[in-house]
C-alpha atoms as a PDB file:
ATOM      1  CA  UNK A   1     -34.472  11.509   9.485  1.00  0.00           C
ATOM      2  CA  UNK A   2     -31.596   9.433   9.378  1.00  0.00           C
ATOM      3  CA  UNK A   3     -29.419   9.314  12.664  1.00  0.00           C
ATOM      4  CA  UNK A   4     -25.873   9.957  12.958  1.00  0.00           C
ATOM      5  CA  UNK A   5     -25.068   6.358  12.783  1.00  0.00           C
ATOM      6  CA  UNK A   6     -26.948   5.709   9.674  1.00  0.00           C
ATOM      7  CA  UNK A   7     -25.287   8.535   8.014  1.00  0.00           C
ATOM      8  CA  UNK A   8     -21.825   7.129   8.859  1.00  0.00           C
ATOM      9  CA  UNK A   9     -22.659   3.633   7.678  1.00  0.00           C
ATOM     10  CA  UNK A  10     -24.119   5.222   4.392  1.00  0.00           C
ATOM     11  CA  UNK A  11     -20.742   7.319   3.693  1.00  0.00           C
ATOM     12  CA  UNK A  12     -18.827   4.479   4.735  1.00  0.00           C
ATOM     13  CA  UNK A  13     -20.557   2.230   1.965  1.00  0.00           C
ATOM     14  CA  UNK A  14     -20.303   4.813  -0.787  1.00  0.00           C
ATOM     15  CA  UNK A  15     -17.061   2.856  -2.095  1.00  0.00           C
ATOM     16  CA  UNK A  16     -16.499  -0.840  -1.136  1.00  0.00           C
ATOM     17  CA  UNK A  17     -13.252  -0.881  -2.837  1.00  0.00           C
ATOM     18  CA  UNK A  18      -9.979  -1.502  -0.362  1.00  0.00           C
ATOM     19  CA  UNK A  19      -8.450   1.555   0.050  1.00  0.00           C
ATOM     20  CA  UNK A  20     -10.618   4.073  -1.598  1.00  0.00           C
ATOM     21  CA  UNK A  21      -9.275   7.660  -1.535  1.00  0.00           C
ATOM     22  CA  UNK A  22     -11.102   8.743  -4.942  1.00  0.00           C
ATOM     23  CA  UNK A  23     -11.635  12.547  -5.119  1.00  0.00           C
ATOM     24  CA  UNK A  24     -14.199  11.604  -7.994  1.00  0.00           C
ATOM     25  CA  UNK A  25     -17.744  13.122  -7.039  1.00  0.00           C
ATOM     26  CA  UNK A  26     -19.514  10.077  -8.894  1.00  0.00           C
ATOM     27  CA  UNK A  27     -19.292   6.713  -7.171  1.00  0.00           C
ATOM     28  CA  UNK A  28     -20.586   5.120 -10.470  1.00  0.00           C
ATOM     29  CA  UNK A  29     -17.610   6.868 -12.406  1.00  0.00           C
ATOM     30  CA  UNK A  30     -14.973   5.616 -10.207  1.00  0.00           C
ATOM     31  CA  UNK A  31     -16.639   2.351 -10.257  1.00  0.00           C
ATOM     32  CA  UNK A  32     -16.425   2.498 -13.978  1.00  0.00           C
ATOM     33  CA  UNK A  33     -12.770   3.042 -13.939  1.00  0.00           C
ATOM     34  CA  UNK A  34     -12.119  -0.005 -11.752  1.00  0.00           C
ATOM     35  CA  UNK A  35     -14.209  -2.097 -13.571  1.00  0.00           C
ATOM     36  CA  UNK A  36     -13.155  -1.167 -17.041  1.00  0.00           C
ATOM     37  CA  UNK A  37      -9.384  -0.233 -16.785  1.00  0.00           C
ATOM     38  CA  UNK A  38      -8.075  -1.370 -13.338  1.00  0.00           C
ATOM     39  CA  UNK A  39      -9.579  -4.853 -12.205  1.00  0.00           C
ATOM     40  CA  UNK A  40      -9.201  -6.671 -15.706  1.00  0.00           C
ATOM     41  CA  UNK A  41      -5.577  -6.390 -15.733  1.00  0.00           C
ATOM     42  CA  UNK A  42      -4.955  -6.498 -11.960  1.00  0.00           C
ATOM     43  CA  UNK A  43      -2.435  -9.080 -10.972  1.00  0.00           C
ATOM     44  CA  UNK A  44      -3.905 -11.904  -9.192  1.00  0.00           C
ATOM     45  CA  UNK A  45      -1.592 -11.176  -6.214  1.00  0.00           C
ATOM     46  CA  UNK A  46      -2.793  -7.464  -6.201  1.00  0.00           C
ATOM     47  CA  UNK A  47      -6.318  -8.628  -5.940  1.00  0.00           C
ATOM     48  CA  UNK A  48      -5.718 -11.097  -3.021  1.00  0.00           C
ATOM     49  CA  UNK A  49      -3.583  -8.788  -0.866  1.00  0.00           C
ATOM     50  CA  UNK A  50      -6.486  -6.346  -1.620  1.00  0.00           C
ATOM     51  CA  UNK A  51      -9.181  -8.442  -0.407  1.00  0.00           C
ATOM     52  CA  UNK A  52      -6.706  -9.598   2.555  1.00  0.00           C
ATOM     53  CA  UNK A  53      -6.492  -5.787   3.660  1.00  0.00           C
ATOM     54  CA  UNK A  54     -10.365  -5.264   3.382  1.00  0.00           C
ATOM     55  CA  UNK A  55     -10.766  -8.104   6.306  1.00  0.00           C
ATOM     56  CA  UNK A  56      -8.239  -6.508   8.406  1.00  0.00           C
ATOM     57  CA  UNK A  57      -9.383  -6.114  12.047  1.00  0.00           C
ATOM     58  CA  UNK A  58      -8.574  -2.298  11.634  1.00  0.00           C
ATOM     59  CA  UNK A  59     -10.805  -2.339   8.720  1.00  0.00           C
ATOM     60  CA  UNK A  60     -12.897   0.973   8.774  1.00  0.00           C
ATOM     61  CA  UNK A  61     -16.160  -1.024   8.326  1.00  0.00           C
ATOM     62  CA  UNK A  62     -15.376  -2.899  11.345  1.00  0.00           C
ATOM     63  CA  UNK A  63     -15.237  -0.052  13.407  1.00  0.00           C
ATOM     64  CA  UNK A  64     -18.203   1.965  12.696  1.00  0.00           C
ATOM     65  CA  UNK A  65     -20.258   0.321  15.468  1.00  0.00           C
ATOM     66  CA  UNK A  66     -17.669   1.904  18.127  1.00  0.00           C
ATOM     67  CA  UNK A  67     -18.097   5.589  16.812  1.00  0.00           C
ATOM     68  CA  UNK A  68     -19.886   7.660  19.611  1.00  0.00           C
ATOM     69  CA  UNK A  69     -21.183  11.312  19.742  1.00  0.00           C
ATOM     70  CA  UNK A  70     -18.216  12.331  21.574  1.00  0.00           C
ATOM     71  CA  UNK A  71     -15.235  10.616  20.267  1.00  0.00           C
ATOM     72  CA  UNK A  72     -11.695  11.813  21.003  1.00  0.00           C
ATOM     73  CA  UNK A  73      -8.970  13.043  18.508  1.00  0.00           C
ATOM     74  CA  UNK A  74      -7.142   9.665  19.090  1.00  0.00           C
ATOM     75  CA  UNK A  75     -10.184   7.638  18.346  1.00  0.00           C
ATOM     76  CA  UNK A  76     -10.757   9.741  15.246  1.00  0.00           C
ATOM     77  CA  UNK A  77      -7.119   8.865  14.189  1.00  0.00           C
ATOM     78  CA  UNK A  78      -7.740   5.437  14.853  1.00  0.00           C
ATOM     79  CA  UNK A  79     -11.007   5.378  12.690  1.00  0.00           C
ATOM     80  CA  UNK A  80      -9.280   7.337  10.032  1.00  0.00           C
ATOM     81  CA  UNK A  81      -5.940   5.529   9.476  1.00  0.00           C
ATOM     82  CA  UNK A  82      -7.075   1.983  10.822  1.00  0.00           C
ATOM     83  CA  UNK A  83      -9.604   2.156   7.909  1.00  0.00           C
ATOM     84  CA  UNK A  84      -9.369   1.109   4.104  1.00  0.00           C
ATOM     85  CA  UNK A  85      -8.073   4.771   3.440  1.00  0.00           C
ATOM     86  CA  UNK A  86      -4.751   3.841   4.884  1.00  0.00           C
ATOM     87  CA  UNK A  87      -3.963   1.551   2.029  1.00  0.00           C
ATOM     88  CA  UNK A  88      -3.230   2.561  -1.720  1.00  0.00           C
ATOM     89  CA  UNK A  89      -6.276   2.265  -3.861  1.00  0.00           C
ATOM     90  CA  UNK A  90      -6.347  -0.025  -6.612  1.00  0.00           C
ATOM     91  CA  UNK A  91      -6.320   2.640  -9.408  1.00  0.00           C
ATOM     92  CA  UNK A  92      -3.159   4.346  -7.892  1.00  0.00           C
ATOM     93  CA  UNK A  93      -1.358   0.983  -7.680  1.00  0.00           C
ATOM     94  CA  UNK A  94      -1.999   0.670 -11.326  1.00  0.00           C
ATOM     95  CA  UNK A  95      -0.652   4.167 -11.564  1.00  0.00           C
ATOM     96  CA  UNK A  96       2.310   3.511  -9.691  1.00  0.00           C
ATOM     97  CA  UNK A  97       3.076   0.277 -11.815  1.00  0.00           C
ATOM     98  CA  UNK A  98       2.795   1.934 -14.928  1.00  0.00           C
ATOM     99  CA  UNK A  99       4.888   4.896 -13.984  1.00  0.00           C
ATOM    100  CA  UNK A 100       7.772   2.755 -12.719  1.00  0.00           C
ATOM    101  CA  UNK A 101       8.007   0.499 -16.081  1.00  0.00           C
ATOM    102  CA  UNK A 102       8.212   3.706 -17.984  1.00  0.00           C
ATOM    103  CA  UNK A 103      10.842   5.013 -15.729  1.00  0.00           C
ATOM    104  CA  UNK A 104      12.794   1.797 -15.973  1.00  0.00           C
ATOM    105  CA  UNK A 105      13.265   2.000 -12.082  1.00  0.00           C
ATOM    106  CA  UNK A 106      15.423  -0.705 -10.457  1.00  0.00           C
ATOM    107  CA  UNK A 107      16.248   1.117  -7.128  1.00  0.00           C
ATOM    108  CA  UNK A 108      13.701   2.337  -5.186  1.00  0.00           C
ATOM    109  CA  UNK A 109      12.264   3.334  -1.563  1.00  0.00           C
ATOM    110  CA  UNK A 110       8.989   3.189  -0.014  1.00  0.00           C
ATOM    111  CA  UNK A 111       8.155   5.164   3.369  1.00  0.00           C
ATOM    112  CA  UNK A 112       4.866   3.656   4.682  1.00  0.00           C
ATOM    113  CA  UNK A 113       3.860   0.204   4.041  1.00  0.00           C
ATOM    114  CA  UNK A 114       0.980  -1.117   5.707  1.00  0.00           C
ATOM    115  CA  UNK A 115      -0.140  -4.379   4.550  1.00  0.00           C
ATOM    116  CA  UNK A 116       2.113  -3.857   1.422  1.00  0.00           C
ATOM    117  CA  UNK A 117      -0.339  -3.243  -1.536  1.00  0.00           C
ATOM    118  CA  UNK A 118       1.736  -0.382  -2.944  1.00  0.00           C
ATOM    119  CA  UNK A 119       4.803  -2.283  -2.101  1.00  0.00           C
ATOM    120  CA  UNK A 120       3.739  -5.302  -4.158  1.00  0.00           C
ATOM    121  CA  UNK A 121       2.668  -2.873  -6.933  1.00  0.00           C
ATOM    122  CA  UNK A 122       6.285  -1.409  -6.954  1.00  0.00           C
ATOM    123  CA  UNK A 123       7.898  -5.078  -6.765  1.00  0.00           C
ATOM    124  CA  UNK A 124       5.966  -6.642  -9.411  1.00  0.00           C
ATOM    125  CA  UNK A 125       6.743  -3.604 -11.706  1.00  0.00           C
ATOM    126  CA  UNK A 126      10.660  -3.647 -11.013  1.00  0.00           C
ATOM    127  CA  UNK A 127      13.112  -6.215 -12.777  1.00  0.00           C
ATOM    128  CA  UNK A 128      14.262  -9.131 -11.070  1.00  0.00           C
ATOM    129  CA  UNK A 129      17.129  -7.529  -9.767  1.00  0.00           C
ATOM    130  CA  UNK A 130      15.339  -4.398  -8.410  1.00  0.00           C
ATOM    131  CA  UNK A 131      15.514  -3.358  -4.952  1.00  0.00           C
ATOM    132  CA  UNK A 132      12.906  -1.502  -2.558  1.00  0.00           C
ATOM    133  CA  UNK A 133      14.197  -0.324   0.844  1.00  0.00           C
ATOM    134  CA  UNK A 134      10.778  -0.400   2.634  1.00  0.00           C
ATOM    135  CA  UNK A 135      10.198   1.369   5.967  1.00  0.00           C
ATOM    136  CA  UNK A 136       7.326   1.266   8.501  1.00  0.00           C
ATOM    137  CA  UNK A 137       6.690   1.311  12.351  1.00  0.00           C
ATOM    138  CA  UNK A 138       4.594  -1.704  12.274  1.00  0.00           C
ATOM    139  CA  UNK A 139       6.029  -5.038  11.030  1.00  0.00           C
ATOM    140  CA  UNK A 140       2.964  -7.039  11.995  1.00  0.00           C
ATOM    141  CA  UNK A 141       0.824  -5.002   9.189  1.00  0.00           C
ATOM    142  CA  UNK A 142       3.540  -6.007   6.688  1.00  0.00           C
ATOM    143  CA  UNK A 143       3.651  -9.599   7.757  1.00  0.00           C
ATOM    144  CA  UNK A 144      -0.205  -9.799   7.038  1.00  0.00           C
ATOM    145  CA  UNK A 145       0.667  -9.319   3.176  1.00  0.00           C
ATOM    146  CA  UNK A 146       3.828 -10.996   3.077  1.00  0.00           C
ATOM    147  CA  UNK A 147       2.725 -14.427   2.380  1.00  0.00           C
ATOM    148  CA  UNK A 148       1.126 -13.102  -0.729  1.00  0.00           C
ATOM    149  CA  UNK A 149       4.444 -10.903  -1.733  1.00  0.00           C
ATOM    150  CA  UNK A 150       6.335 -14.441  -1.255  1.00  0.00           C
ATOM    151  CA  UNK A 151       3.946 -16.221  -3.314  1.00  0.00           C
ATOM    152  CA  UNK A 152       4.242 -13.764  -6.053  1.00  0.00           C
ATOM    153  CA  UNK A 153       7.806 -14.434  -6.239  1.00  0.00           C
ATOM    154  CA  UNK A 154       8.999 -10.677  -5.374  1.00  0.00           C
ATOM    155  CA  UNK A 155       9.854 -10.944  -1.743  1.00  0.00           C
ATOM    156  CA  UNK A 156      13.355 -10.941  -2.527  1.00  0.00           C
ATOM    157  CA  UNK A 157      13.296  -7.384  -3.933  1.00  0.00           C
ATOM    158  CA  UNK A 158      12.393  -5.951  -0.779  1.00  0.00           C
ATOM    159  CA  UNK A 159      14.446  -4.824   2.388  1.00  0.00           C
ATOM    160  CA  UNK A 160      11.988  -4.262   5.162  1.00  0.00           C
ATOM    161  CA  UNK A 161      12.926  -2.012   8.177  1.00  0.00           C
ATOM    162  CA  UNK A 162      10.847  -1.517  11.115  1.00  0.00           C
ATOM    163  CA  UNK A 163      10.802   1.674  12.806  1.00  0.00           C
ATOM    164  CA  UNK A 164      10.749   5.244  12.214  1.00  0.00           C
ATOM    165  CA  UNK A 165      12.064   6.326   8.977  1.00  0.00           C
ATOM    166  CA  UNK A 166      13.865   9.762   9.970  1.00  0.00           C
ATOM    167  CA  UNK A 167      16.764   7.988  11.719  1.00  0.00           C
ATOM    168  CA  UNK A 168      17.297   5.433   8.648  1.00  0.00           C
ATOM    169  CA  UNK A 169      17.385   8.172   6.265  1.00  0.00           C
ATOM    170  CA  UNK A 170      19.828  10.041   8.347  1.00  0.00           C
ATOM    171  CA  UNK A 171      22.019   7.037   8.346  1.00  0.00           C
ATOM    172  CA  UNK A 172      21.695   7.013   4.678  1.00  0.00           C
ATOM    173  CA  UNK A 173      22.681  10.319   4.246  1.00  0.00           C
ATOM    174  CA  UNK A 174      25.620   9.993   6.264  1.00  0.00           C
ATOM    175  CA  UNK A 175      27.066   7.586   3.570  1.00  0.00           C
ATOM    176  CA  UNK A 176      27.847   9.718   0.625  1.00  0.00           C
ATOM    177  CA  UNK A 177      27.485   6.662  -1.677  1.00  0.00           C
ATOM    178  CA  UNK A 178      23.788   6.608  -1.131  1.00  0.00           C
ATOM    179  CA  UNK A 179      23.409   9.941  -2.556  1.00  0.00           C
ATOM    180  CA  UNK A 180      21.556  10.305  -5.952  1.00  0.00           C
ATOM    181  CA  UNK A 181      21.163   6.389  -5.996  1.00  0.00           C
ATOM    182  CA  UNK A 182      17.332   6.090  -5.823  1.00  0.00           C
ATOM    183  CA  UNK A 183      15.094   5.964  -9.154  1.00  0.00           C
ATOM    184  CA  UNK A 184      11.930   6.396  -7.398  1.00  0.00           C
ATOM    185  CA  UNK A 185      10.654   6.903  -3.941  1.00  0.00           C
ATOM    186  CA  UNK A 186       7.162   6.772  -2.641  1.00  0.00           C
ATOM    187  CA  UNK A 187       5.983   8.229   0.432  1.00  0.00           C
ATOM    188  CA  UNK A 188       2.683   7.766   2.211  1.00  0.00           C
ATOM    189  CA  UNK A 189       3.255   7.811   5.863  1.00  0.00           C
ATOM    190  CA  UNK A 190       2.909  10.445   9.002  1.00  0.00           C
ATOM    191  CA  UNK A 191       1.865  13.583   6.986  1.00  0.00           C
ATOM    192  CA  UNK A 192       3.375  15.998   9.783  1.00  0.00           C
ATOM    193  CA  UNK A 193       7.009  14.807   8.842  1.00  0.00           C
ATOM    194  CA  UNK A 194       6.507  15.062   5.002  1.00  0.00           C
ATOM    195  CA  UNK A 195       8.672  18.294   5.068  1.00  0.00           C
ATOM    196  CA  UNK A 196      11.482  16.578   6.847  1.00  0.00           C
ATOM    197  CA  UNK A 197      11.256  13.636   4.596  1.00  0.00           C
ATOM    198  CA  UNK A 198      11.601  15.789   1.668  1.00  0.00           C
ATOM    199  CA  UNK A 199      14.842  17.415   3.080  1.00  0.00           C
ATOM    200  CA  UNK A 200      16.347  14.022   3.181  1.00  0.00           C
ATOM    201  CA  UNK A 201      15.011  12.468   0.125  1.00  0.00           C
ATOM    202  CA  UNK A 202      16.005  15.132  -2.269  1.00  0.00           C
ATOM    203  CA  UNK A 203      19.510  14.066  -1.643  1.00  0.00           C
ATOM    204  CA  UNK A 204      19.034  10.484  -2.081  1.00  0.00           C
ATOM    205  CA  UNK A 205      16.993  10.380  -5.180  1.00  0.00           C
ATOM    206  CA  UNK A 206      19.003  10.881  -8.383  1.00  0.00           C
ATOM    207  CA  UNK A 207      18.807  13.857 -11.000  1.00  0.00           C
ATOM    208  CA  UNK A 208      15.946  12.871 -13.050  1.00  0.00           C
ATOM    209  CA  UNK A 209      14.750  10.649 -10.363  1.00  0.00           C
ATOM    210  CA  UNK A 210      11.107  10.931  -9.073  1.00  0.00           C
ATOM    211  CA  UNK A 211       9.617  11.184  -5.356  1.00  0.00           C
ATOM    212  CA  UNK A 212       5.948  10.529  -4.995  1.00  0.00           C
ATOM    213  CA  UNK A 213       4.043  12.091  -1.937  1.00  0.00           C
ATOM    214  CA  UNK A 214       0.479  10.358  -1.233  1.00  0.00           C
ATOM    215  CA  UNK A 215      -2.492  12.160   0.148  1.00  0.00           C
ATOM    216  CA  UNK A 216      -1.267  15.608  -1.118  1.00  0.00           C
ATOM    217  CA  UNK A 217      -5.197  16.750  -1.512  1.00  0.00           C
ATOM    218  CA  UNK A 218      -6.067  15.391   1.961  1.00  0.00           C
ATOM    219  CA  UNK A 219      -9.671  14.536   1.234  1.00  0.00           C
ATOM    220  CA  UNK A 220     -10.025  17.631  -0.436  1.00  0.00           C
ATOM    221  CA  UNK A 221      -9.741  19.861   2.659  1.00  0.00           C
ATOM    222  CA  UNK A 222      -7.085  21.618   1.233  1.00  0.00           C
ATOM    223  CA  UNK A 223      -9.712  24.069  -0.461  1.00  0.00           C
ATOM    224  CA  UNK A 224     -11.855  24.193   2.574  1.00  0.00           C
ATOM    225  CA  UNK A 225     -12.293  27.143   4.614  1.00  0.00           C
ATOM    226  CA  UNK A 226     -10.487  27.561   7.760  1.00  0.00           C
ATOM    227  CA  UNK A 227     -13.694  27.387   9.675  1.00  0.00           C
ATOM    228  CA  UNK A 228     -15.335  24.519   7.541  1.00  0.00           C
ATOM    229  CA  UNK A 229     -16.535  21.524   9.412  1.00  0.00           C
ATOM    230  CA  UNK A 230     -14.099  18.517   9.227  1.00  0.00           C
ATOM    231  CA  UNK A 231     -12.936  15.786  11.194  1.00  0.00           C
ATOM    232  CA  UNK A 232     -10.214  16.307  13.672  1.00  0.00           C
ATOM    233  CA  UNK A 233      -7.633  14.267  11.948  1.00  0.00           C
ATOM    234  CA  UNK A 234      -8.394  16.102   8.921  1.00  0.00           C
ATOM    235  CA  UNK A 235      -7.953  19.427  10.446  1.00  0.00           C
ATOM    236  CA  UNK A 236      -5.016  18.510  12.638  1.00  0.00           C
ATOM    237  CA  UNK A 237      -2.916  17.369   9.401  1.00  0.00           C
ATOM    238  CA  UNK A 238      -4.425  19.896   6.808  1.00  0.00           C
ATOM    239  CA  UNK A 239      -2.155  22.203   7.793  1.00  0.00           C
ATOM    240  CA  UNK A 240       1.064  20.075   7.407  1.00  0.00           C
ATOM    241  CA  UNK A 241      -0.245  19.200   3.883  1.00  0.00           C
ATOM    242  CA  UNK A 242      -0.663  22.571   2.780  1.00  0.00           C
ATOM    243  CA  UNK A 243       2.861  23.599   3.971  1.00  0.00           C
ATOM    244  CA  UNK A 244       4.141  20.748   1.987  1.00  0.00           C
ATOM    245  CA  UNK A 245       2.306  21.657  -1.195  1.00  0.00           C
ATOM    246  CA  UNK A 246       3.593  25.212  -0.871  1.00  0.00           C
ATOM    247  CA  UNK A 247       7.141  24.047  -0.346  1.00  0.00           C
ATOM    248  CA  UNK A 248       7.248  21.446  -3.095  1.00  0.00           C
ATOM    249  CA  UNK A 249       5.936  24.233  -5.545  1.00  0.00           C
ATOM    250  CA  UNK A 250       8.682  26.831  -4.433  1.00  0.00           C
ATOM    251  CA  UNK A 251      11.764  24.112  -4.619  1.00  0.00           C
ATOM    252  CA  UNK A 252      13.796  24.884  -7.525  1.00  0.00           C
ATOM    253  CA  UNK A 253      15.281  21.481  -7.252  1.00  0.00           C
ATOM    254  CA  UNK A 254      12.410  19.712  -8.452  1.00  0.00           C
ATOM    255  CA  UNK A 255       9.650  20.014 -11.088  1.00  0.00           C
ATOM    256  CA  UNK A 256       6.141  18.972  -9.858  1.00  0.00           C
ATOM    257  CA  UNK A 257       3.015  17.318 -11.220  1.00  0.00           C
ATOM    258  CA  UNK A 258      -0.152  16.914  -8.899  1.00  0.00           C
ATOM    259  CA  UNK A 259      -2.536  14.470  -9.635  1.00  0.00           C
ATOM    260  CA  UNK A 260      -6.134  13.713  -8.428  1.00  0.00           C
ATOM    261  CA  UNK A 261      -5.570   9.940  -8.296  1.00  0.00           C
ATOM    262  CA  UNK A 262      -6.645   8.336  -4.962  1.00  0.00           C
ATOM    263  CA  UNK A 263      -6.465  11.204  -2.268  1.00  0.00           C
ATOM    264  CA  UNK A 264      -3.996  13.217  -4.575  1.00  0.00           C
ATOM    265  CA  UNK A 265      -0.417  12.293  -5.375  1.00  0.00           C
ATOM    266  CA  UNK A 266       2.611  14.680  -6.206  1.00  0.00           C
ATOM    267  CA  UNK A 267       5.240  13.535  -8.393  1.00  0.00           C
ATOM    268  CA  UNK A 268       8.534  15.634  -7.838  1.00  0.00           C
ATOM    269  CA  UNK A 269      11.151  14.807 -10.441  1.00  0.00           C
ATOM    270  CA  UNK A 270      14.762  16.088  -9.363  1.00  0.00           C
ATOM    271  CA  UNK A 271      16.236  18.435 -12.172  1.00  0.00           C
ATOM    272  CA  UNK A 272      19.661  19.175 -10.053  1.00  0.00           C
END
């Protein structure tokens, strides 16, 4: 019989792609999508940053040996957020790039950057005079990917701000000239603040613009029974994700489309 550690290692090895969050049940099908539709056209800088992120000291594979029978909630959080699932998957990066080009987006915002994979996808998709206001609480992770972003020639599009996003959003809202000026906003950050972000972002995105919320299917836990076994971090944030999904569906100011890309992404188009 396999040990608990062996089972964890097997699970961790199911998908080797950086940022794998696919809800597809078949590993082979996901690999087919990547090899057929994603990797052949992936920008060389995107590939380089994806590989750099895979080697990050916080990589989930490097932490398997530190798991224990009695890990704490904080250890469980580190195991999750420091792992590959913290970054945008390659197929989701491709999707965001296509969406931005179809929208002809120019002025964008990103909350939650990590090493900058989705940020780079956005920067590459925007015109040369496009802008991204990027926020994250950890500049060190952003600077890990910054040399790749600079080499790709798109660093001039990025205005990175270190620190919590809510105070900065409040500052932006205070200035009425910022209202309705953002074409696209991507949120992949602290799930317990998604509702708070939405209350502010709805004023900043333009009518016809789009807000994208990542992880809205949350490891598939959104359909799990309340008493179902799940990791502590999944259970902790599950209720926040469920609350967000209900709030978005009931918000008359937006029309939504929830897609099973990555770990689930909900697109919200502001209608008024």
